[in-house]
C-alpha atoms as a PDB file:
ATOM      1  CA  UNK A   1      50.775  63.442 -89.992  1.00  0.00           C
ATOM      2  CA  UNK A   2      53.927  64.794 -88.079  1.00  0.00           C
ATOM      3  CA  UNK A   3      53.739  66.016 -84.039  1.00  0.00           C
ATOM      4  CA  UNK A   4      56.529  68.733 -83.083  1.00  0.00           C
ATOM      5  CA  UNK A   5      55.220  68.124 -79.573  1.00  0.00           C
ATOM      6  CA  UNK A   6      52.565  66.602 -76.934  1.00  0.00           C
ATOM      7  CA  UNK A   7      51.158  68.178 -74.425  1.00  0.00           C
ATOM      8  CA  UNK A   8      51.085  66.640 -70.954  1.00  0.00           C
ATOM      9  CA  UNK A   9      49.217  67.781 -68.145  1.00  0.00           C
ATOM     10  CA  UNK A  10      49.029  66.564 -64.320  1.00  0.00           C
ATOM     11  CA  UNK A  11      46.415  67.749 -62.594  1.00  0.00           C
ATOM     12  CA  UNK A  12      47.103  70.675 -61.241  1.00  0.00           C
ATOM     13  CA  UNK A  13      50.198  71.920 -63.521  1.00  0.00           C
ATOM     14  CA  UNK A  14      47.842  73.477 -66.221  1.00  0.00           C
ATOM     15  CA  UNK A  15      45.082  73.107 -65.075  1.00  0.00           C
ATOM     16  CA  UNK A  16      43.309  72.895 -61.663  1.00  0.00           C
ATOM     17  CA  UNK A  17      40.695  70.329 -61.236  1.00  0.00           C
ATOM     18  CA  UNK A  18      40.379  70.092 -57.622  1.00  0.00           C
ATOM     19  CA  UNK A  19      37.526  72.859 -57.602  1.00  0.00           C
ATOM     20  CA  UNK A  20      35.780  71.070 -60.014  1.00  0.00           C
ATOM     21  CA  UNK A  21      36.163  67.413 -57.849  1.00  0.00           C
ATOM     22  CA  UNK A  22      34.908  69.464 -54.936  1.00  0.00           C
ATOM     23  CA  UNK A  23      31.823  70.316 -56.303  1.00  0.00           C
ATOM     24  CA  UNK A  24      31.207  66.993 -58.148  1.00  0.00           C
ATOM     25  CA  UNK A  25      31.337  65.182 -54.448  1.00  0.00           C
ATOM     26  CA  UNK A  26      29.338  68.200 -52.787  1.00  0.00           C
ATOM     27  CA  UNK A  27      26.399  67.947 -55.071  1.00  0.00           C
ATOM     28  CA  UNK A  28      26.257  63.950 -55.253  1.00  0.00           C
ATOM     29  CA  UNK A  29      26.469  63.613 -51.589  1.00  0.00           C
ATOM     30  CA  UNK A  30      23.102  66.220 -51.498  1.00  0.00           C
ATOM     31  CA  UNK A  31      21.521  64.014 -54.255  1.00  0.00           C
ATOM     32  CA  UNK A  32      21.610  60.716 -52.002  1.00  0.00           C
ATOM     33  CA  UNK A  33      21.012  63.154 -48.846  1.00  0.00           C
ATOM     34  CA  UNK A  34      23.935  62.964 -47.422  1.00  0.00           C
ATOM     35  CA  UNK A  35      25.941  66.325 -45.670  1.00  0.00           C
ATOM     36  CA  UNK A  36      28.118  68.581 -48.372  1.00  0.00           C
ATOM     37  CA  UNK A  37      31.651  69.076 -46.421  1.00  0.00           C
ATOM     38  CA  UNK A  38      33.670  72.109 -46.024  1.00  0.00           C
ATOM     39  CA  UNK A  39      36.311  73.092 -48.829  1.00  0.00           C
ATOM     40  CA  UNK A  40      38.845  73.243 -45.719  1.00  0.00           C
ATOM     41  CA  UNK A  41      37.845  69.392 -45.077  1.00  0.00           C
ATOM     42  CA  UNK A  42      38.766  68.299 -48.491  1.00  0.00           C
ATOM     43  CA  UNK A  43      41.860  70.268 -48.721  1.00  0.00           C
ATOM     44  CA  UNK A  44      43.419  68.922 -46.101  1.00  0.00           C
ATOM     45  CA  UNK A  45      41.578  64.642 -46.334  1.00  0.00           C
ATOM     46  CA  UNK A  46      40.653  64.315 -49.657  1.00  0.00           C
ATOM     47  CA  UNK A  47      41.912  66.525 -52.462  1.00  0.00           C
ATOM     48  CA  UNK A  48      43.756  64.481 -54.846  1.00  0.00           C
ATOM     49  CA  UNK A  49      42.682  61.193 -53.789  1.00  0.00           C
ATOM     50  CA  UNK A  50      40.184  59.058 -56.044  1.00  0.00           C
ATOM     51  CA  UNK A  51      36.756  59.504 -55.628  1.00  0.00           C
ATOM     52  CA  UNK A  52      36.991  55.502 -54.370  1.00  0.00           C
ATOM     53  CA  UNK A  53      39.017  56.620 -51.917  1.00  0.00           C
ATOM     54  CA  UNK A  54      37.006  59.800 -50.592  1.00  0.00           C
ATOM     55  CA  UNK A  55      34.162  57.594 -49.976  1.00  0.00           C
ATOM     56  CA  UNK A  56      35.935  54.993 -48.149  1.00  0.00           C
ATOM     57  CA  UNK A  57      36.467  57.442 -45.624  1.00  0.00           C
ATOM     58  CA  UNK A  58      33.272  59.370 -45.205  1.00  0.00           C
ATOM     59  CA  UNK A  59      32.455  56.044 -44.748  1.00  0.00           C
ATOM     60  CA  UNK A  60      35.066  55.630 -41.870  1.00  0.00           C
ATOM     61  CA  UNK A  61      33.847  59.026 -40.698  1.00  0.00           C
ATOM     62  CA  UNK A  62      30.305  57.642 -40.290  1.00  0.00           C
ATOM     63  CA  UNK A  63      29.173  60.007 -42.780  1.00  0.00           C
ATOM     64  CA  UNK A  64      28.038  58.165 -45.831  1.00  0.00           C
ATOM     65  CA  UNK A  65      26.707  54.350 -45.569  1.00  0.00           C
ATOM     66  CA  UNK A  66      28.299  51.761 -47.264  1.00  0.00           C
ATOM     67  CA  UNK A  67      25.321  50.465 -49.448  1.00  0.00           C
ATOM     68  CA  UNK A  68      25.377  53.729 -50.862  1.00  0.00           C
ATOM     69  CA  UNK A  69      28.618  54.545 -51.993  1.00  0.00           C
ATOM     70  CA  UNK A  70      28.280  53.411 -55.864  1.00  0.00           C
ATOM     71  CA  UNK A  71      25.576  55.384 -56.101  1.00  0.00           C
ATOM     72  CA  UNK A  72      27.328  58.447 -54.630  1.00  0.00           C
ATOM     73  CA  UNK A  73      30.023  57.831 -57.304  1.00  0.00           C
ATOM     74  CA  UNK A  74      27.675  57.455 -59.610  1.00  0.00           C
ATOM     75  CA  UNK A  75      26.475  61.059 -59.140  1.00  0.00           C
ATOM     76  CA  UNK A  76      29.404  62.617 -58.280  1.00  0.00           C
ATOM     77  CA  UNK A  77      30.393  60.878 -62.067  1.00  0.00           C
ATOM     78  CA  UNK A  78      27.626  62.807 -63.951  1.00  0.00           C
ATOM     79  CA  UNK A  79      27.898  66.169 -62.018  1.00  0.00           C
ATOM     80  CA  UNK A  80      31.836  66.230 -62.865  1.00  0.00           C
ATOM     81  CA  UNK A  81      30.641  66.618 -66.755  1.00  0.00           C
ATOM     82  CA  UNK A  82      29.345  69.802 -66.013  1.00  0.00           C
END
Protein backbone atom coordinates (compact mmCIF):
# COMPACT_ATOMS: atom_id res chain seq x y z
CA UNK A 1 0.00 0.00 0.00
CA UNK A 2 1.39 3.41 -0.97
CA UNK A 3 0.72 6.50 1.03
CA UNK A 4 0.04 9.77 -0.74
CA UNK A 5 0.43 11.86 2.39
CA UNK A 6 1.45 11.64 6.01
CA UNK A 7 -0.23 13.78 8.62
CA UNK A 8 1.92 14.85 11.55
CA UNK A 9 0.45 16.96 14.34
CA UNK A 10 2.59 19.02 16.69
CA UNK A 11 0.60 19.58 19.84
CA UNK A 12 -1.49 22.69 19.37
CA UNK A 13 -1.49 22.76 15.57
CA UNK A 14 -4.47 20.53 14.84
CA UNK A 15 -5.32 19.51 18.37
CA UNK A 16 -4.59 21.41 21.58
CA UNK A 17 -3.93 18.85 24.31
CA UNK A 18 -3.18 21.51 26.94
CA UNK A 19 -6.63 21.44 28.58
CA UNK A 20 -6.47 17.65 28.89
CA UNK A 21 -3.05 17.83 30.56
CA UNK A 22 -4.25 20.62 32.88
CA UNK A 23 -7.31 18.64 33.95
CA UNK A 24 -5.38 15.37 34.33
CA UNK A 25 -2.71 17.04 36.48
CA UNK A 26 -5.31 18.62 38.76
CA UNK A 27 -7.20 15.35 39.14
CA UNK A 28 -3.95 13.57 39.99
CA UNK A 29 -2.93 16.25 42.49
CA UNK A 30 -6.33 16.09 44.20
CA UNK A 31 -6.28 12.29 44.25
CA UNK A 32 -2.91 12.41 46.03
CA UNK A 33 -4.07 15.02 48.56
CA UNK A 34 -2.55 18.14 47.03
CA UNK A 35 -4.21 21.43 46.03
CA UNK A 36 -5.16 22.03 42.43
CA UNK A 37 -3.42 24.69 40.36
CA UNK A 38 -5.29 27.45 38.58
CA UNK A 39 -5.58 27.75 34.82
CA UNK A 40 -3.59 31.00 34.69
CA UNK A 41 -0.80 29.50 36.79
CA UNK A 42 -0.77 26.46 34.52
CA UNK A 43 -0.60 28.59 31.37
CA UNK A 44 2.16 30.84 32.69
CA UNK A 45 4.38 28.24 34.40
CA UNK A 46 3.55 24.70 33.33
CA UNK A 47 1.98 24.69 29.86
CA UNK A 48 4.05 22.68 27.41
CA UNK A 49 6.34 21.13 30.02
CA UNK A 50 6.62 17.38 30.48
CA UNK A 51 4.92 16.06 33.63
CA UNK A 52 8.25 15.35 35.35
CA UNK A 53 9.27 18.99 34.89
CA UNK A 54 5.91 20.24 36.18
CA UNK A 55 6.31 18.10 39.27
CA UNK A 56 9.88 19.33 39.84
CA UNK A 57 8.56 22.91 39.79
CA UNK A 58 5.79 21.99 42.22
CA UNK A 59 8.36 20.39 44.55
CA UNK A 60 10.61 23.47 44.31
CA UNK A 61 7.66 25.72 45.15
CA UNK A 62 6.79 23.56 48.20
CA UNK A 63 3.43 22.43 46.82
CA UNK A 64 4.29 18.73 46.39
CA UNK A 65 6.50 16.39 48.41
CA UNK A 66 9.25 14.67 46.40
CA UNK A 67 8.21 11.25 47.71
CA UNK A 68 4.82 11.59 45.99
CA UNK A 69 5.93 12.62 42.49
CA UNK A 70 5.92 9.09 41.03
CA UNK A 71 2.44 8.44 42.41
CA UNK A 72 1.14 11.75 41.01
CA UNK A 73 2.69 11.02 37.62
CA UNK A 74 1.04 7.57 37.49
CA UNK A 75 -2.31 9.07 38.50
CA UNK A 76 -1.99 11.74 35.78
CA UNK A 77 -1.30 9.12 33.11
CA UNK A 78 -4.44 7.27 34.19
CA UNK A 79 -6.50 10.47 34.04
CA UNK A 80 -5.17 11.52 30.62
CA UNK A 81 -6.85 8.51 29.02
CA UNK A 82 -10.28 9.97 29.80
